[in-house]
Amino acid sequence: MDDEINCWNCGADLSQLPQPFSRKEECPGCSKEVRVCKMCIFYDPKLHNSCKEPVADRVNDKERANFCDYFKVKSGAYCEGGNNSDAMKGLSDLFGGVAVSSSPSSGDAKKKLEDLFK
C-alpha cells in the first residue's frame, strides 16, 4: 500500500506488521488491538451500525478485535484528539458565555456545593 497505516489509538506506524492483520495483532506503540472497526475502510461512526458494509454483523465495541470478514485496513485511521479548547469554547457560547473550566479543583467544587445550601 502506498498510504501510511497508523494505529487508530496512538498514531504509531504499522507498516512493518504483516498484512492482512491477524485478529491478535497489536500495535507496537500502545499494545492496542489493530484489527478493529476503527481501522477499517467501512467504519463510519455517523451510520446506525457504524459500518458502511450493509451485511456485516454488528460489532458493539469498535475498539476490540473482531472476526468481521469484511475488514479492510484503512490508512488515516488515527485522529489526534489534541486539546478540547474548541469544544469548550462551543459549550461556553452555547450556555451564554459562561466560562467552562476543563479541570475544576475539588476545593472549588466543594465551595460551590456548600454555597447552594446557604
PDB file of N, CA and C in Angstrom:
ATOM      1  N   MET A   1       0.833  -1.182   0.000  1.00  0.00           N
ATOM      2  CA  MET A   1       0.000   0.000   0.000  1.00  0.00           C
ATOM      3  C   MET A   1       0.874   1.240   0.000  1.00  0.00           C
ATOM      4  N   ASP A   2       0.415   2.249  -0.728  1.00  0.00           N
ATOM      5  CA  ASP A   2       1.175   3.482  -0.811  1.00  0.00           C
ATOM      6  C   ASP A   2       0.966   4.367   0.407  1.00  0.00           C
ATOM      7  N   ASP A   3      -0.234   4.346   0.950  1.00  0.00           N
ATOM      8  CA  ASP A   3      -0.550   5.200   2.091  1.00  0.00           C
ATOM      9  C   ASP A   3      -0.013   4.592   3.379  1.00  0.00           C
ATOM     10  N   GLU A   4       0.412   5.473   4.274  1.00  0.00           N
ATOM     11  CA  GLU A   4       0.930   5.019   5.562  1.00  0.00           C
ATOM     12  C   GLU A   4      -0.214   4.540   6.448  1.00  0.00           C
ATOM     13  N   ILE A   5      -0.002   3.426   7.109  1.00  0.00           N
ATOM     14  CA  ILE A   5      -1.002   2.867   8.013  1.00  0.00           C
ATOM     15  C   ILE A   5      -0.558   3.167   9.435  1.00  0.00           C
ATOM     16  N   ASN A   6      -1.432   3.852  10.169  1.00  0.00           N
ATOM     17  CA  ASN A   6      -1.122   4.234  11.538  1.00  0.00           C
ATOM     18  C   ASN A   6      -2.129   3.633  12.497  1.00  0.00           C
ATOM     19  N   CYS A   7      -1.689   3.423  13.730  1.00  0.00           N
ATOM     20  CA  CYS A   7      -2.563   2.913  14.782  1.00  0.00           C
ATOM     21  C   CYS A   7      -3.698   3.896  15.025  1.00  0.00           C
ATOM     22  N   TRP A   8      -4.886   3.375  15.181  1.00  0.00           N
ATOM     23  CA  TRP A   8      -6.066   4.207  15.437  1.00  0.00           C
ATOM     24  C   TRP A   8      -5.981   4.914  16.787  1.00  0.00           C
ATOM     25  N   ASN A   9      -5.211   4.357  17.728  1.00  0.00           N
ATOM     26  CA  ASN A   9      -5.149   4.889  19.088  1.00  0.00           C
ATOM     27  C   ASN A   9      -3.992   5.865  19.301  1.00  0.00           C
ATOM     28  N   CYS A  10      -2.785   5.484  18.896  1.00  0.00           N
ATOM     29  CA  CYS A  10      -1.617   6.313  19.206  1.00  0.00           C
ATOM     30  C   CYS A  10      -0.935   6.917  17.978  1.00  0.00           C
ATOM     31  N   GLY A  11      -1.297   6.462  16.779  1.00  0.00           N
ATOM     32  CA  GLY A  11      -0.706   7.003  15.571  1.00  0.00           C
ATOM     33  C   GLY A  11       0.603   6.355  15.164  1.00  0.00           C
ATOM     34  N   ALA A  12       1.034   5.305  15.868  1.00  0.00           N
ATOM     35  CA  ALA A  12       2.291   4.625  15.537  1.00  0.00           C
ATOM     36  C   ALA A  12       2.211   4.009  14.139  1.00  0.00           C
ATOM     37  N   ASP A  13       3.335   3.975  13.452  1.00  0.00           N
ATOM     38  CA  ASP A  13       3.409   3.395  12.114  1.00  0.00           C
ATOM     39  C   ASP A  13       3.240   1.879  12.199  1.00  0.00           C
ATOM     40  N   LEU A  14       2.306   1.342  11.427  1.00  0.00           N
ATOM     41  CA  LEU A  14       2.030  -0.100  11.440  1.00  0.00           C
ATOM     42  C   LEU A  14       2.453  -0.779  10.148  1.00  0.00           C
ATOM     43  N   SER A  15       3.202  -0.085   9.302  1.00  0.00           N
ATOM     44  CA  SER A  15       3.566  -0.641   8.000  1.00  0.00           C
ATOM     45  C   SER A  15       4.470  -1.867   8.104  1.00  0.00           C
ATOM     46  N   GLN A  16       5.152  -2.050   9.225  1.00  0.00           N
ATOM     47  CA  GLN A  16       6.037  -3.205   9.386  1.00  0.00           C
ATOM     48  C   GLN A  16       5.298  -4.462   9.832  1.00  0.00           C
ATOM     49  N   LEU A  17       4.045  -4.329  10.245  1.00  0.00           N
ATOM     50  CA  LEU A  17       3.273  -5.501  10.667  1.00  0.00           C
ATOM     51  C   LEU A  17       2.830  -6.290   9.442  1.00  0.00           C
ATOM     52  N   PRO A  18       2.801  -7.630   9.560  1.00  0.00           N
ATOM     53  CA  PRO A  18       2.364  -8.447   8.419  1.00  0.00           C
ATOM     54  C   PRO A  18       0.898  -8.184   8.078  1.00  0.00           C
ATOM     55  N   GLN A  19       0.626  -8.142   6.772  1.00  0.00           N
ATOM     56  CA  GLN A  19      -0.741  -7.913   6.295  1.00  0.00           C
ATOM     57  C   GLN A  19      -1.256  -9.170   5.616  1.00  0.00           C
ATOM     58  N   PRO A  20      -2.509  -9.494   5.701  1.00  0.00           N
ATOM     59  CA  PRO A  20      -3.534  -8.800   6.465  1.00  0.00           C
ATOM     60  C   PRO A  20      -3.323  -9.005   7.962  1.00  0.00           C
ATOM     61  N   PHE A  21      -3.800  -8.050   8.753  1.00  0.00           N
ATOM     62  CA  PHE A  21      -3.656  -8.138  10.204  1.00  0.00           C
ATOM     63  C   PHE A  21      -4.375  -9.369  10.728  1.00  0.00           C
ATOM     64  N   SER A  22      -3.706 -10.083  11.628  1.00  0.00           N
ATOM     65  CA  SER A  22      -4.387 -11.188  12.301  1.00  0.00           C
ATOM     66  C   SER A  22      -5.261 -10.598  13.404  1.00  0.00           C
ATOM     67  N   ARG A  23      -6.183 -11.380  13.900  1.00  0.00           N
ATOM     68  CA  ARG A  23      -7.097 -10.905  14.942  1.00  0.00           C
ATOM     69  C   ARG A  23      -6.342 -10.545  16.219  1.00  0.00           C
ATOM     70  N   LYS A  24      -5.209 -11.173  16.464  1.00  0.00           N
ATOM     71  CA  LYS A  24      -4.459 -10.948  17.705  1.00  0.00           C
ATOM     72  C   LYS A  24      -3.339  -9.920  17.560  1.00  0.00           C
ATOM     73  N   GLU A  25      -3.199  -9.320  16.384  1.00  0.00           N
ATOM     74  CA  GLU A  25      -2.127  -8.350  16.146  1.00  0.00           C
ATOM     75  C   GLU A  25      -2.334  -7.107  17.010  1.00  0.00           C
ATOM     76  N   GLU A  26      -1.230  -6.624  17.594  1.00  0.00           N
ATOM     77  CA  GLU A  26      -1.281  -5.442  18.455  1.00  0.00           C
ATOM     78  C   GLU A  26      -0.324  -4.378  17.954  1.00  0.00           C
ATOM     79  N   CYS A  27      -0.626  -3.148  18.277  1.00  0.00           N
ATOM     80  CA  CYS A  27       0.229  -2.020  17.932  1.00  0.00           C
ATOM     81  C   CYS A  27       1.512  -2.099  18.756  1.00  0.00           C
ATOM     82  N   PRO A  28       2.679  -1.943  18.126  1.00  0.00           N
ATOM     83  CA  PRO A  28       3.924  -1.968  18.893  1.00  0.00           C
ATOM     84  C   PRO A  28       4.090  -0.737  19.790  1.00  0.00           C
ATOM     85  N   GLY A  29       3.341   0.320  19.531  1.00  0.00           N
ATOM     86  CA  GLY A  29       3.465   1.539  20.320  1.00  0.00           C
ATOM     87  C   GLY A  29       2.611   1.568  21.576  1.00  0.00           C
ATOM     88  N   CYS A  30       1.358   1.079  21.471  1.00  0.00           N
ATOM     89  CA  CYS A  30       0.444   1.198  22.615  1.00  0.00           C
ATOM     90  C   CYS A  30      -0.185  -0.133  23.022  1.00  0.00           C
ATOM     91  N   SER A  31       0.120  -1.195  22.307  1.00  0.00           N
ATOM     92  CA  SER A  31      -0.384  -2.553  22.587  1.00  0.00           C
ATOM     93  C   SER A  31      -1.894  -2.692  22.417  1.00  0.00           C
ATOM     94  N   LYS A  32      -2.529  -1.771  21.707  1.00  0.00           N
ATOM     95  CA  LYS A  32      -3.958  -1.906  21.402  1.00  0.00           C
ATOM     96  C   LYS A  32      -4.106  -2.829  20.195  1.00  0.00           C
ATOM     97  N   GLU A  33      -5.236  -3.529  20.142  1.00  0.00           N
ATOM     98  CA  GLU A  33      -5.518  -4.403  19.006  1.00  0.00           C
ATOM     99  C   GLU A  33      -5.691  -3.548  17.752  1.00  0.00           C
ATOM    100  N   VAL A  34      -5.247  -4.066  16.599  1.00  0.00           N
ATOM    101  CA  VAL A  34      -5.323  -3.271  15.373  1.00  0.00           C
ATOM    102  C   VAL A  34      -6.375  -3.767  14.379  1.00  0.00           C
ATOM    103  N   ARG A  35      -6.830  -5.005  14.504  1.00  0.00           N
ATOM    104  CA  ARG A  35      -7.898  -5.478  13.615  1.00  0.00           C
ATOM    105  C   ARG A  35      -9.242  -5.130  14.263  1.00  0.00           C
ATOM    106  N   VAL A  36      -9.525  -3.844  14.278  1.00  0.00           N
ATOM    107  CA  VAL A  36     -10.725  -3.313  14.926  1.00  0.00           C
ATOM    108  C   VAL A  36     -11.497  -2.463  13.922  1.00  0.00           C
ATOM    109  N   CYS A  37     -12.745  -2.228  14.226  1.00  0.00           N
ATOM    110  CA  CYS A  37     -13.598  -1.436  13.331  1.00  0.00           C
ATOM    111  C   CYS A  37     -12.984  -0.075  13.005  1.00  0.00           C
ATOM    112  N   LYS A  38     -12.361   0.564  13.983  1.00  0.00           N
ATOM    113  CA  LYS A  38     -11.803   1.895  13.771  1.00  0.00           C
ATOM    114  C   LYS A  38     -10.649   1.898  12.765  1.00  0.00           C
ATOM    115  N   MET A  39     -10.125   0.728  12.432  1.00  0.00           N
ATOM    116  CA  MET A  39      -9.039   0.612  11.454  1.00  0.00           C
ATOM    117  C   MET A  39      -9.545   0.142  10.091  1.00  0.00           C
ATOM    118  N   CYS A  40     -10.850   0.087   9.903  1.00  0.00           N
ATOM    119  CA  CYS A  40     -11.439  -0.475   8.687  1.00  0.00           C
ATOM    120  C   CYS A  40     -11.971   0.625   7.770  1.00  0.00           C
ATOM    121  N   ILE A  41     -11.860   0.400   6.455  1.00  0.00           N
ATOM    122  CA  ILE A  41     -12.365   1.388   5.498  1.00  0.00           C
ATOM    123  C   ILE A  41     -13.884   1.528   5.562  1.00  0.00           C
ATOM    124  N   PHE A  42     -14.576   0.535   6.085  1.00  0.00           N
ATOM    125  CA  PHE A  42     -16.032   0.586   6.165  1.00  0.00           C
ATOM    126  C   PHE A  42     -16.543   1.279   7.436  1.00  0.00           C
ATOM    127  N   TYR A  43     -15.659   1.596   8.362  1.00  0.00           N
ATOM    128  CA  TYR A  43     -16.069   2.221   9.622  1.00  0.00           C
ATOM    129  C   TYR A  43     -16.533   3.656   9.378  1.00  0.00           C
ATOM    130  N   ASP A  44     -17.729   3.962   9.860  1.00  0.00           N
ATOM    131  CA  ASP A  44     -18.279   5.315   9.768  1.00  0.00           C
ATOM    132  C   ASP A  44     -19.182   5.546  10.976  1.00  0.00           C
ATOM    133  N   PRO A  45     -18.702   6.272  11.982  1.00  0.00           N
ATOM    134  CA  PRO A  45     -19.480   6.445  13.214  1.00  0.00           C
ATOM    135  C   PRO A  45     -20.795   7.195  13.017  1.00  0.00           C
ATOM    136  N   LYS A  46     -20.976   7.831  11.862  1.00  0.00           N
ATOM    137  CA  LYS A  46     -22.221   8.560  11.611  1.00  0.00           C
ATOM    138  C   LYS A  46     -23.369   7.633  11.226  1.00  0.00           C
ATOM    139  N   LEU A  47     -23.063   6.401  10.859  1.00  0.00           N
ATOM    140  CA  LEU A  47     -24.092   5.449  10.457  1.00  0.00           C
ATOM    141  C   LEU A  47     -24.639   4.700  11.663  1.00  0.00           C
ATOM    142  N   HIS A  48     -25.831   4.142  11.507  1.00  0.00           N
ATOM    143  CA  HIS A  48     -26.502   3.438  12.604  1.00  0.00           C
ATOM    144  C   HIS A  48     -25.631   2.328  13.193  1.00  0.00           C
ATOM    145  N   ASN A  49     -25.097   1.487  12.363  1.00  0.00           N
ATOM    146  CA  ASN A  49     -24.275   0.370  12.823  1.00  0.00           C
ATOM    147  C   ASN A  49     -22.784   0.729  12.800  1.00  0.00           C
ATOM    148  N   SER A  50     -22.469   1.967  12.458  1.00  0.00           N
ATOM    149  CA  SER A  50     -21.093   2.459  12.311  1.00  0.00           C
ATOM    150  C   SER A  50     -20.325   1.705  11.238  1.00  0.00           C
ATOM    151  N   CYS A  51     -21.052   1.135  10.273  1.00  0.00           N
ATOM    152  CA  CYS A  51     -20.402   0.347   9.228  1.00  0.00           C
ATOM    153  C   CYS A  51     -21.092   0.582   7.890  1.00  0.00           C
ATOM    154  N   LYS A  52     -20.273   0.846   6.853  1.00  0.00           N
ATOM    155  CA  LYS A  52     -20.806   1.050   5.508  1.00  0.00           C
ATOM    156  C   LYS A  52     -21.162  -0.265   4.826  1.00  0.00           C
ATOM    157  N   GLU A  53     -20.674  -1.370   5.358  1.00  0.00           N
ATOM    158  CA  GLU A  53     -20.970  -2.689   4.782  1.00  0.00           C
ATOM    159  C   GLU A  53     -22.331  -3.139   5.315  1.00  0.00           C
ATOM    160  N   PRO A  54     -23.355  -3.198   4.464  1.00  0.00           N
ATOM    161  CA  PRO A  54     -24.718  -3.455   4.949  1.00  0.00           C
ATOM    162  C   PRO A  54     -24.972  -4.853   5.506  1.00  0.00           C
ATOM    163  N   VAL A  55     -24.194  -5.847   5.115  1.00  0.00           N
ATOM    164  CA  VAL A  55     -24.462  -7.206   5.590  1.00  0.00           C
ATOM    165  C   VAL A  55     -23.509  -7.659   6.685  1.00  0.00           C
ATOM    166  N   ALA A  56     -22.643  -6.770   7.139  1.00  0.00           N
ATOM    167  CA  ALA A  56     -21.707  -7.132   8.210  1.00  0.00           C
ATOM    168  C   ALA A  56     -22.451  -7.287   9.530  1.00  0.00           C
ATOM    169  N   ASP A  57     -22.016  -8.251  10.320  1.00  0.00           N
ATOM    170  CA  ASP A  57     -22.602  -8.439  11.650  1.00  0.00           C
ATOM    171  C   ASP A  57     -22.279  -7.232  12.527  1.00  0.00           C
ATOM    172  N   ARG A  58     -23.178  -6.941  13.446  1.00  0.00           N
ATOM    173  CA  ARG A  58     -22.984  -5.811  14.359  1.00  0.00           C
ATOM    174  C   ARG A  58     -21.831  -6.106  15.321  1.00  0.00           C
ATOM    175  N   VAL A  59     -20.983  -5.119  15.505  1.00  0.00           N
ATOM    176  CA  VAL A  59     -19.880  -5.197  16.468  1.00  0.00           C
ATOM    177  C   VAL A  59     -20.113  -4.090  17.480  1.00  0.00           C
ATOM    178  N   ASN A  60     -20.277  -4.457  18.734  1.00  0.00           N
ATOM    179  CA  ASN A  60     -20.588  -3.460  19.765  1.00  0.00           C
ATOM    180  C   ASN A  60     -19.393  -2.603  20.141  1.00  0.00           C
ATOM    181  N   ASP A  61     -18.251  -3.220  20.378  1.00  0.00           N
ATOM    182  CA  ASP A  61     -17.062  -2.479  20.794  1.00  0.00           C
ATOM    183  C   ASP A  61     -16.159  -2.278  19.587  1.00  0.00           C
ATOM    184  N   LYS A  62     -16.133  -1.079  19.071  1.00  0.00           N
ATOM    185  CA  LYS A  62     -15.384  -0.755  17.848  1.00  0.00           C
ATOM    186  C   LYS A  62     -13.877  -0.692  18.081  1.00  0.00           C
ATOM    187  N   GLU A  63     -13.447  -0.810  19.334  1.00  0.00           N
ATOM    188  CA  GLU A  63     -12.024  -0.748  19.665  1.00  0.00           C
ATOM    189  C   GLU A  63     -11.462  -2.107  20.067  1.00  0.00           C
ATOM    190  N   ARG A  64     -12.230  -3.161  19.883  1.00  0.00           N
ATOM    191  CA  ARG A  64     -11.789  -4.523  20.205  1.00  0.00           C
ATOM    192  C   ARG A  64     -11.687  -5.332  18.924  1.00  0.00           C
ATOM    193  N   ALA A  65     -10.752  -6.265  18.891  1.00  0.00           N
ATOM    194  CA  ALA A  65     -10.586  -7.125  17.724  1.00  0.00           C
ATOM    195  C   ALA A  65     -11.852  -7.946  17.512  1.00  0.00           C
ATOM    196  N   ASN A  66     -12.153  -8.231  16.238  1.00  0.00           N
ATOM    197  CA  ASN A  66     -13.348  -9.000  15.923  1.00  0.00           C
ATOM    198  C   ASN A  66     -13.075  -9.920  14.734  1.00  0.00           C
ATOM    199  N   PHE A  67     -14.073 -10.689  14.365  1.00  0.00           N
ATOM    200  CA  PHE A  67     -13.923 -11.673  13.298  1.00  0.00           C
ATOM    201  C   PHE A  67     -14.590 -11.238  11.993  1.00  0.00           C
ATOM    202  N   CYS A  68     -14.811  -9.968  11.788  1.00  0.00           N
ATOM    203  CA  CYS A  68     -15.511  -9.479  10.606  1.00  0.00           C
ATOM    204  C   CYS A  68     -14.773  -9.892   9.326  1.00  0.00           C
ATOM    205  N   ASP A  69     -15.514 -10.521   8.413  1.00  0.00           N
ATOM    206  CA  ASP A  69     -14.931 -10.962   7.141  1.00  0.00           C
ATOM    207  C   ASP A  69     -14.734  -9.811   6.163  1.00  0.00           C
ATOM    208  N   TYR A  70     -15.326  -8.667   6.432  1.00  0.00           N
ATOM    209  CA  TYR A  70     -15.263  -7.534   5.513  1.00  0.00           C
ATOM    210  C   TYR A  70     -14.158  -6.546   5.870  1.00  0.00           C
ATOM    211  N   PHE A  71     -13.386  -6.831   6.902  1.00  0.00           N
ATOM    212  CA  PHE A  71     -12.343  -5.912   7.361  1.00  0.00           C
ATOM    213  C   PHE A  71     -11.318  -5.647   6.264  1.00  0.00           C
ATOM    214  N   LYS A  72     -11.094  -4.357   5.998  1.00  0.00           N
ATOM    215  CA  LYS A  72     -10.028  -3.915   5.095  1.00  0.00           C
ATOM    216  C   LYS A  72      -9.361  -2.732   5.768  1.00  0.00           C
ATOM    217  N   VAL A  73      -8.045  -2.827   5.930  1.00  0.00           N
ATOM    218  CA  VAL A  73      -7.317  -1.802   6.674  1.00  0.00           C
ATOM    219  C   VAL A  73      -7.424  -0.443   5.983  1.00  0.00           C
ATOM    220  N   LYS A  74      -7.543   0.578   6.805  1.00  0.00           N
ATOM    221  CA  LYS A  74      -7.707   1.949   6.319  1.00  0.00           C
ATOM    222  C   LYS A  74      -6.490   2.776   6.701  1.00  0.00           C
ATOM    223  N   SER A  75      -5.968   3.536   5.751  1.00  0.00           N
ATOM    224  CA  SER A  75      -4.925   4.495   6.097  1.00  0.00           C
ATOM    225  C   SER A  75      -5.614   5.729   6.654  1.00  0.00           C
ATOM    226  N   GLY A  76      -4.969   6.421   7.542  1.00  0.00           N
ATOM    227  CA  GLY A  76      -5.555   7.620   8.132  1.00  0.00           C
ATOM    228  C   GLY A  76      -6.565   7.336   9.223  1.00  0.00           C
ATOM    229  N   ALA A  77      -6.456   6.192   9.877  1.00  0.00           N
ATOM    230  CA  ALA A  77      -7.399   5.849  10.944  1.00  0.00           C
ATOM    231  C   ALA A  77      -7.134   6.650  12.212  1.00  0.00           C
ATOM    232  N   TYR A  78      -5.904   7.129  12.364  1.00  0.00           N
ATOM    233  CA  TYR A  78      -5.563   7.889  13.569  1.00  0.00           C
ATOM    234  C   TYR A  78      -6.118   9.302  13.466  1.00  0.00           C
ATOM    235  N   CYS A  79      -6.838   9.704  14.483  1.00  0.00           N
ATOM    236  CA  CYS A  79      -7.402  11.052  14.546  1.00  0.00           C
ATOM    237  C   CYS A  79      -6.952  11.666  15.864  1.00  0.00           C
ATOM    238  N   GLU A  80      -5.988  12.540  15.793  1.00  0.00           N
ATOM    239  CA  GLU A  80      -5.419  13.119  17.005  1.00  0.00           C
ATOM    240  C   GLU A  80      -6.470  13.895  17.776  1.00  0.00           C
ATOM    241  N   GLY A  81      -6.609  13.543  19.047  1.00  0.00           N
ATOM    242  CA  GLY A  81      -7.594  14.208  19.896  1.00  0.00           C
ATOM    243  C   GLY A  81      -7.197  15.630  20.233  1.00  0.00           C
ATOM    244  N   GLY A  82      -5.926  15.839  20.513  1.00  0.00           N
ATOM    245  CA  GLY A  82      -5.438  17.163  20.842  1.00  0.00           C
ATOM    246  C   GLY A  82      -6.128  17.753  22.056  1.00  0.00           C
ATOM    247  N   ASN A  83      -6.196  19.072  22.094  1.00  0.00           N
ATOM    248  CA  ASN A  83      -6.875  19.688  23.233  1.00  0.00           C
ATOM    249  C   ASN A  83      -8.341  19.924  22.901  1.00  0.00           C
ATOM    250  N   ASN A  84      -9.110  20.162  23.901  1.00  0.00           N
ATOM    251  CA  ASN A  84     -10.551  20.315  23.744  1.00  0.00           C
ATOM    252  C   ASN A  84     -10.981  21.773  23.769  1.00  0.00           C
ATOM    253  N   SER A  85     -10.086  22.688  23.480  1.00  0.00           N
ATOM    254  CA  SER A  85     -10.413  24.105  23.626  1.00  0.00           C
ATOM    255  C   SER A  85     -11.546  24.534  22.702  1.00  0.00           C
ATOM    256  N   ASP A  86     -11.598  24.014  21.475  1.00  0.00           N
ATOM    257  CA  ASP A  86     -12.684  24.381  20.565  1.00  0.00           C
ATOM    258  C   ASP A  86     -14.028  23.903  21.098  1.00  0.00           C
ATOM    259  N   ALA A  87     -14.061  22.689  21.620  1.00  0.00           N
ATOM    260  CA  ALA A  87     -15.305  22.149  22.178  1.00  0.00           C
ATOM    261  C   ALA A  87     -15.722  22.945  23.407  1.00  0.00           C
ATOM    262  N   MET A  88     -14.769  23.291  24.244  1.00  0.00           N
ATOM    263  CA  MET A  88     -15.081  24.059  25.449  1.00  0.00           C
ATOM    264  C   MET A  88     -15.602  25.452  25.077  1.00  0.00           C
ATOM    265  N   LYS A  89     -15.026  26.059  24.042  1.00  0.00           N
ATOM    266  CA  LYS A  89     -15.490  27.362  23.593  1.00  0.00           C
ATOM    267  C   LYS A  89     -16.913  27.243  23.065  1.00  0.00           C
ATOM    268  N   GLY A  90     -17.194  26.178  22.317  1.00  0.00           N
ATOM    269  CA  GLY A  90     -18.543  25.956  21.807  1.00  0.00           C
ATOM    270  C   GLY A  90     -19.557  25.806  22.930  1.00  0.00           C
ATOM    271  N   LEU A  91     -19.179  25.079  23.970  1.00  0.00           N
ATOM    272  CA  LEU A  91     -20.062  24.931  25.130  1.00  0.00           C
ATOM    273  C   LEU A  91     -20.285  26.266  25.826  1.00  0.00           C
ATOM    274  N   SER A  92     -19.216  27.025  25.952  1.00  0.00           N
ATOM    275  CA  SER A  92     -19.318  28.329  26.593  1.00  0.00           C
ATOM    276  C   SER A  92     -20.264  29.232  25.806  1.00  0.00           C
ATOM    277  N   ASP A  93     -20.128  29.233  24.485  1.00  0.00           N
ATOM    278  CA  ASP A  93     -21.011  30.037  23.640  1.00  0.00           C
ATOM    279  C   ASP A  93     -22.453  29.559  23.745  1.00  0.00           C
ATOM    280  N   LEU A  94     -22.641  28.264  23.789  1.00  0.00           N
ATOM    281  CA  LEU A  94     -23.979  27.684  23.858  1.00  0.00           C
ATOM    282  C   LEU A  94     -24.701  28.063  25.145  1.00  0.00           C
ATOM    283  N   PHE A  95     -23.966  28.106  26.241  1.00  0.00           N
ATOM    284  CA  PHE A  95     -24.570  28.390  27.532  1.00  0.00           C
ATOM    285  C   PHE A  95     -24.378  29.843  27.966  1.00  0.00           C
ATOM    286  N   GLY A  96     -24.385  30.745  27.016  1.00  0.00           N
ATOM    287  CA  GLY A  96     -24.388  32.171  27.331  1.00  0.00           C
ATOM    288  C   GLY A  96     -23.070  32.746  27.778  1.00  0.00           C
ATOM    289  N   GLY A  97     -21.972  32.228  27.294  1.00  0.00           N
ATOM    290  CA  GLY A  97     -20.678  32.797  27.611  1.00  0.00           C
ATOM    291  C   GLY A  97     -20.150  32.462  28.984  1.00  0.00           C
ATOM    292  N   VAL A  98     -20.783  31.542  29.666  1.00  0.00           N
ATOM    293  CA  VAL A  98     -20.301  31.129  30.979  1.00  0.00           C
ATOM    294  C   VAL A  98     -18.997  30.376  30.781  1.00  0.00           C
ATOM    295  N   ALA A  99     -17.976  30.788  31.472  1.00  0.00           N
ATOM    296  CA  ALA A  99     -16.688  30.116  31.350  1.00  0.00           C
ATOM    297  C   ALA A  99     -16.805  28.693  31.864  1.00  0.00           C
ATOM    298  N   VAL A 100     -16.325  27.761  31.052  1.00  0.00           N
ATOM    299  CA  VAL A 100     -16.362  26.351  31.429  1.00  0.00           C
ATOM    300  C   VAL A 100     -14.940  25.914  31.701  1.00  0.00           C
ATOM    301  N   SER A 101     -14.674  25.479  32.901  1.00  0.00           N
ATOM    302  CA  SER A 101     -13.345  25.018  33.275  1.00  0.00           C
ATOM    303  C   SER A 101     -13.203  23.552  32.919  1.00  0.00           C
ATOM    304  N   SER A 102     -12.090  23.201  32.284  1.00  0.00           N
ATOM    305  CA  SER A 102     -11.893  21.808  31.887  1.00  0.00           C
ATOM    306  C   SER A 102     -11.464  20.927  33.045  1.00  0.00           C
ATOM    307  N   SER A 103     -10.910  21.523  34.099  1.00  0.00           N
ATOM    308  CA  SER A 103     -10.489  20.716  35.242  1.00  0.00           C
ATOM    309  C   SER A 103     -10.662  21.507  36.539  1.00  0.00           C
ATOM    310  N   PRO A 104     -11.885  21.553  37.046  1.00  0.00           N
ATOM    311  CA  PRO A 104     -12.096  22.294  38.287  1.00  0.00           C
ATOM    312  C   PRO A 104     -11.418  21.596  39.457  1.00  0.00           C
ATOM    313  N   SER A 105     -10.929  22.398  40.393  1.00  0.00           N
ATOM    314  CA  SER A 105     -10.304  21.796  41.567  1.00  0.00           C
ATOM    315  C   SER A 105     -11.390  21.291  42.504  1.00  0.00           C
ATOM    316  N   SER A 106     -11.057  20.313  43.313  1.00  0.00           N
ATOM    317  CA  SER A 106     -12.044  19.754  44.238  1.00  0.00           C
ATOM    318  C   SER A 106     -12.468  20.789  45.273  1.00  0.00           C
ATOM    319  N   GLY A 107     -11.575  21.701  45.631  1.00  0.00           N
ATOM    320  CA  GLY A 107     -11.915  22.758  46.582  1.00  0.00           C
ATOM    321  C   GLY A 107     -12.974  23.695  46.021  1.00  0.00           C
ATOM    322  N   ASP A 108     -12.836  24.067  44.742  1.00  0.00           N
ATOM    323  CA  ASP A 108     -13.827  24.933  44.100  1.00  0.00           C
ATOM    324  C   ASP A 108     -15.176  24.243  44.031  1.00  0.00           C
ATOM    325  N   ALA A 109     -15.181  22.984  43.677  1.00  0.00           N
ATOM    326  CA  ALA A 109     -16.431  22.235  43.564  1.00  0.00           C
ATOM    327  C   ALA A 109     -17.123  22.133  44.918  1.00  0.00           C
ATOM    328  N   LYS A 110     -16.338  21.882  45.959  1.00  0.00           N
ATOM    329  CA  LYS A 110     -16.922  21.760  47.303  1.00  0.00           C
ATOM    330  C   LYS A 110     -17.508  23.093  47.754  1.00  0.00           C
ATOM    331  N   LYS A 111     -16.801  24.188  47.473  1.00  0.00           N
ATOM    332  CA  LYS A 111     -17.286  25.515  47.856  1.00  0.00           C
ATOM    333  C   LYS A 111     -18.595  25.821  47.134  1.00  0.00           C
ATOM    334  N   LYS A 112     -18.668  25.518  45.853  1.00  0.00           N
ATOM    335  CA  LYS A 112     -19.894  25.770  45.095  1.00  0.00           C
ATOM    336  C   LYS A 112     -21.051  24.938  45.635  1.00  0.00           C
ATOM    337  N   LEU A 113     -20.768  23.711  46.021  1.00  0.00           N
ATOM    338  CA  LEU A 113     -21.806  22.853  46.592  1.00  0.00           C
ATOM    339  C   LEU A 113     -22.319  23.425  47.907  1.00  0.00           C
ATOM    340  N   GLU A 114     -21.395  23.853  48.760  1.00  0.00           N
ATOM    341  CA  GLU A 114     -21.787  24.430  50.047  1.00  0.00           C
ATOM    342  C   GLU A 114     -22.566  25.727  49.863  1.00  0.00           C
ATOM    343  N   ASP A 115     -22.209  26.518  48.845  1.00  0.00           N
ATOM    344  CA  ASP A 115     -22.911  27.773  48.575  1.00  0.00           C
ATOM    345  C   ASP A 115     -24.358  27.536  48.165  1.00  0.00           C
ATOM    346  N   LEU A 116     -24.639  26.391  47.596  1.00  0.00           N
ATOM    347  CA  LEU A 116     -26.009  26.071  47.199  1.00  0.00           C
ATOM    348  C   LEU A 116     -26.946  25.962  48.393  1.00  0.00           C
ATOM    349  N   PHE A 117     -26.417  25.579  49.538  1.00  0.00           N
ATOM    350  CA  PHE A 117     -27.238  25.339  50.720  1.00  0.00           C
ATOM    351  C   PHE A 117     -27.210  26.496  51.721  1.00  0.00           C
ATOM    352  N   LYS A 118     -26.709  27.638  51.328  1.00  0.00           N
ATOM    353  CA  LYS A 118     -26.657  28.806  52.224  1.00  0.00           C
ATOM    354  C   LYS A 118     -27.920  29.610  52.101  1.00  0.00           C
TER     355      LYS A 118
END
